[in-house]
C-alpha atoms as a PDB file:
ATOM      1  CA  MET A   1     -41.808  -5.140  45.181  1.00  0.00           C
ATOM      2  CA  LEU A   2     -39.652  -2.007  45.531  1.00  0.00           C
ATOM      3  CA  ALA A   3     -38.067  -2.727  42.152  1.00  0.00           C
ATOM      4  CA  ASN A   4     -41.505  -2.927  40.520  1.00  0.00           C
ATOM      5  CA  PHE A   5     -42.532   0.313  42.219  1.00  0.00           C
ATOM      6  CA  ARG A   6     -39.374   1.998  40.904  1.00  0.00           C
ATOM      7  CA  ILE A   7     -40.078   0.763  37.363  1.00  0.00           C
ATOM      8  CA  ALA A   8     -43.670   2.037  37.542  1.00  0.00           C
ATOM      9  CA  VAL A   9     -42.558   5.430  38.858  1.00  0.00           C
ATOM     10  CA  GLU A  10     -39.844   5.734  36.216  1.00  0.00           C
ATOM     11  CA  ALA A  11     -42.424   4.923  33.544  1.00  0.00           C
ATOM     12  CA  VAL A  12     -44.842   7.683  34.601  1.00  0.00           C
ATOM     13  CA  LEU A  13     -42.340  10.360  35.719  1.00  0.00           C
ATOM     14  CA  PRO A  14     -41.489  11.470  32.150  1.00  0.00           C
ATOM     15  CA  ILE A  15     -45.202  12.092  31.579  1.00  0.00           C
ATOM     16  CA  PHE A  16     -45.250  14.724  34.299  1.00  0.00           C
ATOM     17  CA  LEU A  17     -41.901  16.252  33.312  1.00  0.00           C
ATOM     18  CA  LEU A  18     -43.062  16.792  29.735  1.00  0.00           C
ATOM     19  CA  MET A  19     -46.372  18.190  30.943  1.00  0.00           C
ATOM     20  CA  PHE A  20     -44.571  20.648  33.211  1.00  0.00           C
ATOM     21  CA  LEU A  21     -42.439  21.780  30.261  1.00  0.00           C
ATOM     22  CA  GLY A  22     -45.637  22.446  28.342  1.00  0.00           C
ATOM     23  CA  MET A  23     -47.071  24.389  31.278  1.00  0.00           C
ATOM     24  CA  GLY A  24     -43.865  26.419  31.435  1.00  0.00           C
ATOM     25  CA  ALA A  25     -44.062  27.215  27.727  1.00  0.00           C
ATOM     26  CA  ARG A  26     -47.596  28.537  28.217  1.00  0.00           C
ATOM     27  CA  ARG A  27     -46.574  30.596  31.272  1.00  0.00           C
ATOM     28  CA  LEU A  28     -43.723  32.144  29.272  1.00  0.00           C
ATOM     29  CA  HIS A  29     -46.159  32.903  26.427  1.00  0.00           C
ATOM     30  CA  LEU A  30     -44.152  30.781  23.997  1.00  0.00           C
ATOM     31  CA  LEU A  31     -47.379  29.130  22.827  1.00  0.00           C
ATOM     32  CA  ASN A  32     -50.828  30.627  22.459  1.00  0.00           C
ATOM     33  CA  ASP A  33     -54.152  28.837  22.031  1.00  0.00           C
ATOM     34  CA  LEU A  34     -54.155  29.096  18.232  1.00  0.00           C
ATOM     35  CA  GLU A  35     -50.628  27.691  17.975  1.00  0.00           C
ATOM     36  CA  LEU A  36     -51.513  24.853  20.339  1.00  0.00           C
ATOM     37  CA  LYS A  37     -54.505  23.983  18.181  1.00  0.00           C
ATOM     38  CA  HIS A  38     -52.339  23.866  15.044  1.00  0.00           C
ATOM     39  CA  VAL A  39     -49.582  21.801  16.650  1.00  0.00           C
ATOM     40  CA  ASN A  40     -52.103  19.407  18.179  1.00  0.00           C
ATOM     41  CA  ASN A  41     -53.675  18.973  14.756  1.00  0.00           C
ATOM     42  CA  ALA A  42     -50.258  18.139  13.283  1.00  0.00           C
ATOM     43  CA  VAL A  43     -49.634  15.533  15.991  1.00  0.00           C
ATOM     44  CA  PHE A  44     -53.015  13.924  15.358  1.00  0.00           C
ATOM     45  CA  GLN A  45     -52.890  14.045  11.559  1.00  0.00           C
ATOM     46  CA  VAL A  46     -49.209  13.188  11.019  1.00  0.00           C
ATOM     47  CA  MET A  47     -47.334  11.845  14.035  1.00  0.00           C
ATOM     48  CA  PHE A  48     -49.936   9.433  15.415  1.00  0.00           C
ATOM     49  CA  PRO A  49     -50.485   7.621  12.076  1.00  0.00           C
ATOM     50  CA  PHE A  50     -46.723   7.150  11.743  1.00  0.00           C
ATOM     51  CA  MET A  51     -46.613   5.857  15.321  1.00  0.00           C
ATOM     52  CA  MET A  52     -49.396   3.332  14.674  1.00  0.00           C
ATOM     53  CA  PHE A  53     -47.712   2.103  11.494  1.00  0.00           C
ATOM     54  CA  TYR A  54     -44.263   1.850  13.046  1.00  0.00           C
ATOM     55  CA  ASN A  55     -45.394   0.015  16.178  1.00  0.00           C
ATOM     56  CA  ILE A  56     -47.243  -2.610  14.152  1.00  0.00           C
ATOM     57  CA  TYR A  57     -44.603  -2.930  11.433  1.00  0.00           C
ATOM     58  CA  THR A  58     -41.724  -3.426  13.897  1.00  0.00           C
ATOM     59  CA  ALA A  59     -43.597  -5.756  16.289  1.00  0.00           C
ATOM     60  CA  ASP A  60     -42.113  -9.236  16.726  1.00  0.00           C
ATOM     61  CA  PHE A  61     -44.833 -11.717  15.789  1.00  0.00           C
ATOM     62  CA  SER A  62     -42.553 -14.736  16.077  1.00  0.00           C
ATOM     63  CA  GLY A  63     -43.504 -15.544  19.676  1.00  0.00           C
ATOM     64  CA  THR A  64     -46.103 -18.065  20.748  1.00  0.00           C
ATOM     65  CA  VAL A  65     -49.641 -16.780  21.167  1.00  0.00           C
ATOM     66  CA  ILE A  66     -52.097 -18.805  23.199  1.00  0.00           C
ATOM     67  CA  PRO A  67     -55.374 -18.642  21.210  1.00  0.00           C
ATOM     68  CA  LYS A  68     -57.429 -18.975  24.391  1.00  0.00           C
ATOM     69  CA  TYR A  69     -55.469 -16.120  25.979  1.00  0.00           C
ATOM     70  CA  LEU A  70     -55.795 -13.869  22.939  1.00  0.00           C
ATOM     71  CA  ALA A  71     -59.556 -14.486  22.807  1.00  0.00           C
ATOM     72  CA  PHE A  72     -59.835 -13.801  26.538  1.00  0.00           C
ATOM     73  CA  CYS A  73     -57.987 -10.461  26.338  1.00  0.00           C
ATOM     74  CA  VAL A  74     -59.991  -9.238  23.364  1.00  0.00           C
ATOM     75  CA  GLY A  75     -63.265 -10.418  24.923  1.00  0.00           C
ATOM     76  CA  MET A  76     -62.441  -8.825  28.273  1.00  0.00           C
ATOM     77  CA  LEU A  77     -61.536  -5.564  26.546  1.00  0.00           C
ATOM     78  CA  PHE A  78     -64.999  -5.455  24.971  1.00  0.00           C
ATOM     79  CA  ILE A  79     -66.644  -6.305  28.301  1.00  0.00           C
ATOM     80  CA  VAL A  80     -64.816  -3.445  30.038  1.00  0.00           C
ATOM     81  CA  TYR A  81     -65.663  -1.154  27.148  1.00  0.00           C
ATOM     82  CA  PHE A  82     -69.393  -1.916  27.213  1.00  0.00           C
ATOM     83  CA  LEU A  83     -69.517  -1.604  30.998  1.00  0.00           C
ATOM     84  CA  GLY A  84     -67.956   1.832  30.571  1.00  0.00           C
ATOM     85  CA  VAL A  85     -70.566   2.741  27.964  1.00  0.00           C
ATOM     86  CA  VAL A  86     -73.453   1.664  30.210  1.00  0.00           C
ATOM     87  CA  PHE A  87     -71.991   3.467  33.228  1.00  0.00           C
ATOM     88  CA  ALA A  88     -71.396   6.689  31.255  1.00  0.00           C
ATOM     89  CA  LEU A  89     -74.928   6.652  29.841  1.00  0.00           C
ATOM     90  CA  MET A  90     -76.360   6.220  33.346  1.00  0.00           C
ATOM     91  CA  THR A  91     -74.236   8.790  35.196  1.00  0.00           C
ATOM     92  CA  VAL A  92     -73.113  11.469  32.705  1.00  0.00           C
ATOM     93  CA  LYS A  93     -75.487  13.884  30.986  1.00  0.00           C
ATOM     94  CA  ASP A  94     -73.526  15.450  28.117  1.00  0.00           C
ATOM     95  CA  ASP A  95     -72.204  13.444  25.171  1.00  0.00           C
ATOM     96  CA  PRO A  96     -68.669  14.936  24.989  1.00  0.00           C
ATOM     97  CA  SER A  97     -68.034  13.953  28.633  1.00  0.00           C
ATOM     98  CA  ARG A  98     -69.504  10.501  28.019  1.00  0.00           C
ATOM     99  CA  GLY A  99     -67.050   9.859  25.201  1.00  0.00           C
ATOM    100  CA  ALA A 100     -64.060  11.040  27.245  1.00  0.00           C
ATOM    101  CA  LEU A 101     -65.079   8.968  30.290  1.00  0.00           C
ATOM    102  CA  ILE A 102     -65.633   5.785  28.285  1.00  0.00           C
ATOM    103  CA  GLN A 103     -62.240   6.197  26.654  1.00  0.00           C
ATOM    104  CA  ALA A 104     -60.583   6.700  30.042  1.00  0.00           C
ATOM    105  CA  CYS A 105     -62.055   3.477  31.450  1.00  0.00           C
ATOM    106  CA  TYR A 106     -60.583   1.045  28.942  1.00  0.00           C
ATOM    107  CA  ARG A 107     -57.731   2.659  26.991  1.00  0.00           C
ATOM    108  CA  GLY A 108     -54.309   2.233  28.594  1.00  0.00           C
ATOM    109  CA  ASN A 109     -50.796   3.530  28.035  1.00  0.00           C
ATOM    110  CA  LEU A 110     -49.308   0.166  27.068  1.00  0.00           C
ATOM    111  CA  VAL A 111     -46.496   1.482  24.898  1.00  0.00           C
ATOM    112  CA  VAL A 112     -44.830   3.315  27.816  1.00  0.00           C
ATOM    113  CA  MET A 113     -45.731   0.939  30.656  1.00  0.00           C
ATOM    114  CA  GLY A 114     -45.914  -2.514  29.078  1.00  0.00           C
ATOM    115  CA  LEU A 115     -42.428  -3.663  28.137  1.00  0.00           C
ATOM    116  CA  PRO A 116     -40.375  -2.210  31.059  1.00  0.00           C
ATOM    117  CA  ILE A 117     -42.737  -3.500  33.755  1.00  0.00           C
ATOM    118  CA  MET A 118     -43.042  -6.974  32.223  1.00  0.00           C
ATOM    119  CA  GLU A 119     -39.288  -7.282  31.685  1.00  0.00           C
ATOM    120  CA  ASN A 120     -38.639  -6.351  35.306  1.00  0.00           C
ATOM    121  CA  LEU A 121     -41.391  -8.559  36.691  1.00  0.00           C
ATOM    122  CA  MET A 122     -41.094 -11.692  34.530  1.00  0.00           C
ATOM    123  CA  GLY A 123     -37.788 -11.330  32.674  1.00  0.00           C
ATOM    124  CA  GLU A 124     -36.980 -11.365  28.959  1.00  0.00           C
ATOM    125  CA  LYS A 125     -39.105 -14.478  28.438  1.00  0.00           C
ATOM    126  CA  SER A 126     -42.189 -12.282  28.736  1.00  0.00           C
ATOM    127  CA  LEU A 127     -41.281  -9.788  25.994  1.00  0.00           C
ATOM    128  CA  GLY A 128     -42.435 -11.923  23.047  1.00  0.00           C
ATOM    129  CA  LEU A 129     -46.005 -12.330  24.285  1.00  0.00           C
ATOM    130  CA  THR A 130     -46.046  -8.736  25.556  1.00  0.00           C
ATOM    131  CA  THR A 131     -45.040  -7.299  22.171  1.00  0.00           C
ATOM    132  CA  ILE A 132     -47.594  -9.402  20.304  1.00  0.00           C
ATOM    133  CA  MET A 133     -50.409  -8.418  22.649  1.00  0.00           C
ATOM    134  CA  LEU A 134     -49.461  -4.749  22.336  1.00  0.00           C
ATOM    135  CA  ALA A 135     -49.698  -5.065  18.553  1.00  0.00           C
ATOM    136  CA  VAL A 136     -53.189  -6.581  18.909  1.00  0.00           C
ATOM    137  CA  ILE A 137     -54.662  -4.525  21.752  1.00  0.00           C
ATOM    138  CA  VAL A 138     -53.389  -1.024  20.886  1.00  0.00           C
ATOM    139  CA  PRO A 139     -55.103  -0.922  17.451  1.00  0.00           C
ATOM    140  CA  LEU A 140     -58.312  -2.161  19.111  1.00  0.00           C
ATOM    141  CA  TYR A 141     -57.985   0.650  21.660  1.00  0.00           C
ATOM    142  CA  ASN A 142     -57.810   3.181  18.861  1.00  0.00           C
ATOM    143  CA  ILE A 143     -60.616   1.704  16.768  1.00  0.00           C
ATOM    144  CA  LEU A 144     -62.955   1.730  19.772  1.00  0.00           C
ATOM    145  CA  ALA A 145     -61.850   5.275  20.650  1.00  0.00           C
ATOM    146  CA  VAL A 146     -62.623   6.573  17.168  1.00  0.00           C
ATOM    147  CA  ILE A 147     -66.054   4.920  17.182  1.00  0.00           C
ATOM    148  CA  THR A 148     -66.827   6.150  20.703  1.00  0.00           C
ATOM    149  CA  LEU A 149     -65.776   9.757  20.201  1.00  0.00           C
ATOM    150  CA  GLU A 150     -67.548   9.899  16.847  1.00  0.00           C
ATOM    151  CA  VAL A 151     -70.795   8.515  18.290  1.00  0.00           C
ATOM    152  CA  PHE A 152     -70.702  10.918  21.250  1.00  0.00           C
ATOM    153  CA  ARG A 153     -69.646  13.914  19.196  1.00  0.00           C
ATOM    154  CA  GLY A 154     -73.143  15.329  19.518  1.00  0.00           C
ATOM    155  CA  GLY A 155     -75.670  16.358  16.931  1.00  0.00           C
ATOM    156  CA  LYS A 156     -77.571  14.107  14.550  1.00  0.00           C
ATOM    157  CA  MET A 157     -75.755  10.965  13.512  1.00  0.00           C
ATOM    158  CA  HIS A 158     -75.642   9.884   9.875  1.00  0.00           C
ATOM    159  CA  PRO A 159     -74.469   6.230   9.761  1.00  0.00           C
ATOM    160  CA  MET A 160     -72.646   6.405   6.433  1.00  0.00           C
ATOM    161  CA  ALA A 161     -70.950   9.678   7.312  1.00  0.00           C
ATOM    162  CA  MET A 162     -69.865   8.217  10.653  1.00  0.00           C
ATOM    163  CA  VAL A 163     -68.452   5.095   8.968  1.00  0.00           C
ATOM    164  CA  LYS A 164     -66.530   7.317   6.541  1.00  0.00           C
ATOM    165  CA  LYS A 165     -65.072   9.357   9.403  1.00  0.00           C
ATOM    166  CA  ILE A 166     -64.044   6.179  11.230  1.00  0.00           C
ATOM    167  CA  LEU A 167     -62.381   4.657   8.166  1.00  0.00           C
ATOM    168  CA  THR A 168     -60.550   7.896   7.340  1.00  0.00           C
ATOM    169  CA  ASN A 169     -59.378   8.561  10.896  1.00  0.00           C
ATOM    170  CA  PRO A 170     -55.579   9.040  10.809  1.00  0.00           C
ATOM    171  CA  LEU A 171     -54.911   6.434  13.524  1.00  0.00           C
ATOM    172  CA  ILE A 172     -57.060   3.829  11.799  1.00  0.00           C
ATOM    173  CA  LEU A 173     -55.334   4.524   8.488  1.00  0.00           C
ATOM    174  CA  GLY A 174     -51.900   4.216  10.087  1.00  0.00           C
ATOM    175  CA  ALA A 175     -52.814   0.912  11.723  1.00  0.00           C
ATOM    176  CA  ALA A 176     -54.352  -0.414   8.490  1.00  0.00           C
ATOM    177  CA  VAL A 177     -51.219   0.383   6.485  1.00  0.00           C
ATOM    178  CA  GLY A 178     -49.065  -1.290   9.149  1.00  0.00           C
ATOM    179  CA  ILE A 179     -51.216  -4.437   9.191  1.00  0.00           C
ATOM    180  CA  PHE A 180     -51.189  -4.567   5.384  1.00  0.00           C
ATOM    181  CA  ALA A 181     -47.390  -4.166   5.258  1.00  0.00           C
ATOM    182  CA  VAL A 182     -46.934  -7.001   7.750  1.00  0.00           C
ATOM    183  CA  ALA A 183     -49.520  -9.243   6.079  1.00  0.00           C
ATOM    184  CA  VAL A 184     -47.986  -9.034   2.605  1.00  0.00           C
ATOM    185  CA  ARG A 185     -44.436  -8.833   4.000  1.00  0.00           C
ATOM    186  CA  ILE A 186     -43.508  -5.493   2.480  1.00  0.00           C
ATOM    187  CA  LYS A 187     -39.880  -4.640   3.173  1.00  0.00           C
ATOM    188  CA  VAL A 188     -39.572  -0.943   4.048  1.00  0.00           C
ATOM    189  CA  PRO A 189     -36.034   0.305   3.285  1.00  0.00           C
ATOM    190  CA  GLU A 190     -34.051   1.351   6.329  1.00  0.00           C
ATOM    191  CA  VAL A 191     -33.519   4.812   4.850  1.00  0.00           C
ATOM    192  CA  VAL A 192     -37.330   5.260   4.984  1.00  0.00           C
ATOM    193  CA  LEU A 193     -38.026   3.315   8.170  1.00  0.00           C
ATOM    194  CA  LYS A 194     -35.551   5.331  10.258  1.00  0.00           C
ATOM    195  CA  PRO A 195     -37.272   8.743   9.817  1.00  0.00           C
ATOM    196  CA  VAL A 196     -40.647   7.041  10.250  1.00  0.00           C
ATOM    197  CA  GLY A 197     -39.417   5.711  13.598  1.00  0.00           C
ATOM    198  CA  GLN A 198     -38.125   9.155  14.578  1.00  0.00           C
ATOM    199  CA  ILE A 199     -41.520  10.724  13.846  1.00  0.00           C
ATOM    200  CA  ALA A 200     -43.249   7.907  15.745  1.00  0.00           C
ATOM    201  CA  SER A 201     -41.028   8.369  18.786  1.00  0.00           C
ATOM    202  CA  ALA A 202     -41.778  12.111  18.821  1.00  0.00           C
ATOM    203  CA  ALA A 203     -45.575  11.637  18.878  1.00  0.00           C
ATOM    204  CA  THR A 204     -45.986  10.914  22.602  1.00  0.00           C
ATOM    205  CA  PRO A 205     -43.620  13.680  23.880  1.00  0.00           C
ATOM    206  CA  ALA A 206     -45.249  16.238  21.576  1.00  0.00           C
ATOM    207  CA  SER A 207     -48.711  15.216  22.739  1.00  0.00           C
ATOM    208  CA  LEU A 208     -47.692  15.559  26.393  1.00  0.00           C
ATOM    209  CA  LEU A 209     -46.154  18.992  25.854  1.00  0.00           C
ATOM    210  CA  ILE A 210     -49.355  20.174  24.198  1.00  0.00           C
ATOM    211  CA  MET A 211     -51.493  18.706  26.946  1.00  0.00           C
ATOM    212  CA  GLY A 212     -49.394  20.393  29.611  1.00  0.00           C
ATOM    213  CA  ALA A 213     -49.691  23.739  27.842  1.00  0.00           C
ATOM    214  CA  SER A 214     -53.458  23.276  27.473  1.00  0.00           C
ATOM    215  CA  PHE A 215     -54.166  21.915  30.961  1.00  0.00           C
ATOM    216  CA  TYR A 216     -55.726  24.178  33.575  1.00  0.00           C
ATOM    217  CA  PHE A 217     -55.970  22.994  37.167  1.00  0.00           C
ATOM    218  CA  HIS A 218     -59.351  24.644  37.676  1.00  0.00           C
ATOM    219  CA  SER A 219     -60.752  22.078  35.234  1.00  0.00           C
ATOM    220  CA  VAL A 220     -60.018  19.363  37.817  1.00  0.00           C
ATOM    221  CA  HIS A 221     -62.580  20.891  40.171  1.00  0.00           C
ATOM    222  CA  ASP A 222     -65.078  21.278  37.334  1.00  0.00           C
ATOM    223  CA  HIS A 223     -64.803  17.603  36.349  1.00  0.00           C
ATOM    224  CA  LEU A 224     -63.721  16.003  39.638  1.00  0.00           C
ATOM    225  CA  ARG A 225     -66.626  13.539  39.860  1.00  0.00           C
ATOM    226  CA  ASN A 226     -66.051  12.145  36.366  1.00  0.00           C
ATOM    227  CA  ILE A 227     -62.266  12.124  36.819  1.00  0.00           C
ATOM    228  CA  VAL A 228     -62.707   9.937  39.903  1.00  0.00           C
ATOM    229  CA  PHE A 229     -65.008   7.622  37.921  1.00  0.00           C
ATOM    230  CA  GLY A 230     -62.486   7.382  35.085  1.00  0.00           C
ATOM    231  CA  VAL A 231     -59.446   6.765  37.296  1.00  0.00           C
ATOM    232  CA  VAL A 232     -61.180   4.140  39.458  1.00  0.00           C
ATOM    233  CA  GLY A 233     -62.563   2.453  36.372  1.00  0.00           C
ATOM    234  CA  LYS A 234     -59.154   2.320  34.694  1.00  0.00           C
ATOM    235  CA  LEU A 235     -56.931   1.384  37.627  1.00  0.00           C
ATOM    236  CA  VAL A 236     -59.256  -0.718  39.813  1.00  0.00           C
ATOM    237  CA  VAL A 237     -62.370  -2.015  38.049  1.00  0.00           C
ATOM    238  CA  SER A 238     -60.839  -2.897  34.674  1.00  0.00           C
ATOM    239  CA  PRO A 239     -57.773  -4.811  35.987  1.00  0.00           C
ATOM    240  CA  GLY A 240     -59.821  -6.296  38.825  1.00  0.00           C
ATOM    241  CA  LEU A 241     -62.287  -7.936  36.443  1.00  0.00           C
ATOM    242  CA  ALA A 242     -59.574  -9.136  34.063  1.00  0.00           C
ATOM    243  CA  LEU A 243     -57.362 -10.584  36.807  1.00  0.00           C
ATOM    244  CA  ILE A 244     -60.168 -12.317  38.689  1.00  0.00           C
ATOM    245  CA  PHE A 245     -61.587 -13.982  35.582  1.00  0.00           C
ATOM    246  CA  GLY A 246     -58.121 -14.739  34.236  1.00  0.00           C
ATOM    247  CA  TYR A 247     -57.123 -16.372  37.515  1.00  0.00           C
ATOM    248  CA  LEU A 248     -60.315 -18.439  37.615  1.00  0.00           C
ATOM    249  CA  LEU A 249     -59.735 -19.589  34.033  1.00  0.00           C
ATOM    250  CA  GLY A 250     -56.317 -20.892  35.036  1.00  0.00           C
ATOM    251  CA  PHE A 251     -53.928 -18.302  33.610  1.00  0.00           C
ATOM    252  CA  ARG A 252     -50.672 -18.155  35.552  1.00  0.00           C
ATOM    253  CA  GLY A 253     -47.189 -16.740  35.133  1.00  0.00           C
ATOM    254  CA  VAL A 254     -46.541 -14.375  32.229  1.00  0.00           C
ATOM    255  CA  PRO A 255     -50.109 -14.375  30.801  1.00  0.00           C
ATOM    256  CA  LEU A 256     -51.662 -13.442  34.136  1.00  0.00           C
ATOM    257  CA  ALA A 257     -49.015 -10.831  34.940  1.00  0.00           C
ATOM    258  CA  LEU A 258     -49.518  -9.284  31.503  1.00  0.00           C
ATOM    259  CA  LEU A 259     -53.185  -8.667  32.345  1.00  0.00           C
ATOM    260  CA  ILE A 260     -52.026  -6.169  34.991  1.00  0.00           C
ATOM    261  CA  VAL A 261     -50.376  -4.076  32.285  1.00  0.00           C
ATOM    262  CA  ILE A 262     -53.026  -4.494  29.589  1.00  0.00           C
ATOM    263  CA  PHE A 263     -55.926  -3.581  31.857  1.00  0.00           C
ATOM    264  CA  GLY A 264     -54.261  -1.672  34.719  1.00  0.00           C
ATOM    265  CA  ALA A 265     -51.976   0.813  32.933  1.00  0.00           C
ATOM    266  CA  PRO A 266     -52.927   4.515  33.229  1.00  0.00           C
ATOM    267  CA  CYS A 267     -54.935   6.260  30.511  1.00  0.00           C
ATOM    268  CA  ALA A 268     -53.290   6.480  27.092  1.00  0.00           C
ATOM    269  CA  VAL A 269     -51.484   9.723  26.262  1.00  0.00           C
ATOM    270  CA  SER A 270     -53.178   9.862  22.853  1.00  0.00           C
ATOM    271  CA  SER A 271     -56.611   9.887  24.517  1.00  0.00           C
ATOM    272  CA  TYR A 272     -56.237  13.617  25.205  1.00  0.00           C
ATOM    273  CA  THR A 273     -55.219  14.472  21.647  1.00  0.00           C
ATOM    274  CA  MET A 274     -58.069  12.444  20.174  1.00  0.00           C
ATOM    275  CA  ALA A 275     -60.585  13.973  22.587  1.00  0.00           C
ATOM    276  CA  GLN A 276     -59.497  17.463  21.578  1.00  0.00           C
ATOM    277  CA  GLN A 277     -59.514  16.713  17.860  1.00  0.00           C
ATOM    278  CA  MET A 278     -62.882  14.943  17.879  1.00  0.00           C
ATOM    279  CA  ASP A 279     -64.885  17.503  19.886  1.00  0.00           C
ATOM    280  CA  SER A 280     -64.931  15.471  23.092  1.00  0.00           C
ATOM    281  CA  ASN A 281     -64.293  16.775  26.620  1.00  0.00           C
ATOM    282  CA  ALA A 282     -60.520  17.275  26.401  1.00  0.00           C
ATOM    283  CA  GLU A 283     -60.305  18.704  29.941  1.00  0.00           C
ATOM    284  CA  LEU A 284     -61.872  15.550  31.367  1.00  0.00           C
ATOM    285  CA  ALA A 285     -59.578  13.374  29.241  1.00  0.00           C
ATOM    286  CA  ALA A 286     -56.532  15.329  30.487  1.00  0.00           C
ATOM    287  CA  GLY A 287     -57.644  15.035  34.120  1.00  0.00           C
ATOM    288  CA  CYS A 288     -58.110  11.272  33.832  1.00  0.00           C
ATOM    289  CA  LEU A 289     -54.702  10.937  32.175  1.00  0.00           C
ATOM    290  CA  VAL A 290     -52.891  12.992  34.828  1.00  0.00           C
ATOM    291  CA  PHE A 291     -54.438  11.344  37.867  1.00  0.00           C
ATOM    292  CA  SER A 292     -54.421   7.799  36.509  1.00  0.00           C
ATOM    293  CA  ALA A 293     -50.692   8.219  35.831  1.00  0.00           C
ATOM    294  CA  LEU A 294     -50.214   9.630  39.327  1.00  0.00           C
ATOM    295  CA  PHE A 295     -51.899   6.717  41.109  1.00  0.00           C
ATOM    296  CA  SER A 296     -50.935   3.908  38.735  1.00  0.00           C
ATOM    297  CA  SER A 297     -47.588   3.263  40.427  1.00  0.00           C
ATOM    298  CA  VAL A 298     -49.448   2.355  43.617  1.00  0.00           C
ATOM    299  CA  THR A 299     -52.244   0.321  42.018  1.00  0.00           C
ATOM    300  CA  ILE A 300     -49.970  -1.641  39.666  1.00  0.00           C
ATOM    301  CA  CYS A 301     -47.687  -2.602  42.554  1.00  0.00           C
ATOM    302  CA  GLY A 302     -50.759  -3.498  44.602  1.00  0.00           C
ATOM    303  CA  TRP A 303     -52.040  -5.896  41.928  1.00  0.00           C
ATOM    304  CA  ILE A 304     -48.560  -7.426  41.554  1.00  0.00           C
ATOM    305  CA  PHE A 305     -48.250  -7.939  45.314  1.00  0.00           C
ATOM    306  CA  LEU A 306     -51.741  -9.463  45.636  1.00  0.00           C
ATOM    307  CA  PHE A 307     -51.276 -12.072  42.928  1.00  0.00           C
ATOM    308  CA  GLN A 308     -47.726 -12.854  43.979  1.00  0.00           C
ATOM    309  CA  GLN A 309     -49.134 -13.666  47.394  1.00  0.00           C
ATOM    310  CA  LEU A 310     -51.613 -15.987  45.686  1.00  0.00           C
ATOM    311  CA  GLY A 311     -48.707 -17.727  43.947  1.00  0.00           C
ATOM    312  CA  ALA A 312     -49.999 -16.826  40.500  1.00  0.00           C
ATOM    313  CA  PHE A 313     -46.546 -15.794  39.205  1.00  0.00           C
END
């Protein structure tokens, strides 16, 4: 249990360190609001598409996928998503906050949390299924996020214009190119793939630095109610539903343990950048990210302990 807690803490600690660096840069007046806007735009338009492509292109699809398990995870993701939509419509008044809250409830930071926690908990045997599920779930996260933030952008919706914006979203384009490259087995030369990987690896740190420089603690008080809703939804409700139904359906071992990561990881780092770029409530998105990361070490270890006691893995 202590080893799992250490892994969880080590996974979220860099998030806070990079945020603090961003806060320091703002305090030292190294970045102003206009510069932050431009850099954030570059991360969204350039780095994130490369990250989506690289993660899909380099994923190991040679492992065994249980069709029933894959269908369950995708179906449960949509259930959590629609519950978040209904809850946001019932409890939140303004559309930008609705979009940010919905995104916080279902979209997790699997890239940072997934592999290290599963390797520590279940050993190397779990990495094949974990990698495949990341390659399936992360693009779904982003597709749903684009649709959600576009729908709740405010103003009058024009269906064809919205579809165009969704299809031309940089993250969707990056994922589509990655899926196409894998499907037709395009061999990207190493001399090209290496800089693509370097850009991809820089996307998350850059996003965190920008978020830290843009984050103001007074916004926590302004959005406290919705931050609590988002954090509880992401760390308690979402994994709780997935684990209970998964356990009842007979999943054990690696598949059940993987549900803790897929549904119980803290909010995705890219959720803040997307919220800011797509006219959503970026302050609410940042608050949910910060506090879900802060409490995730405790909740993830709690879920692990509970289902270990039940003999599930």
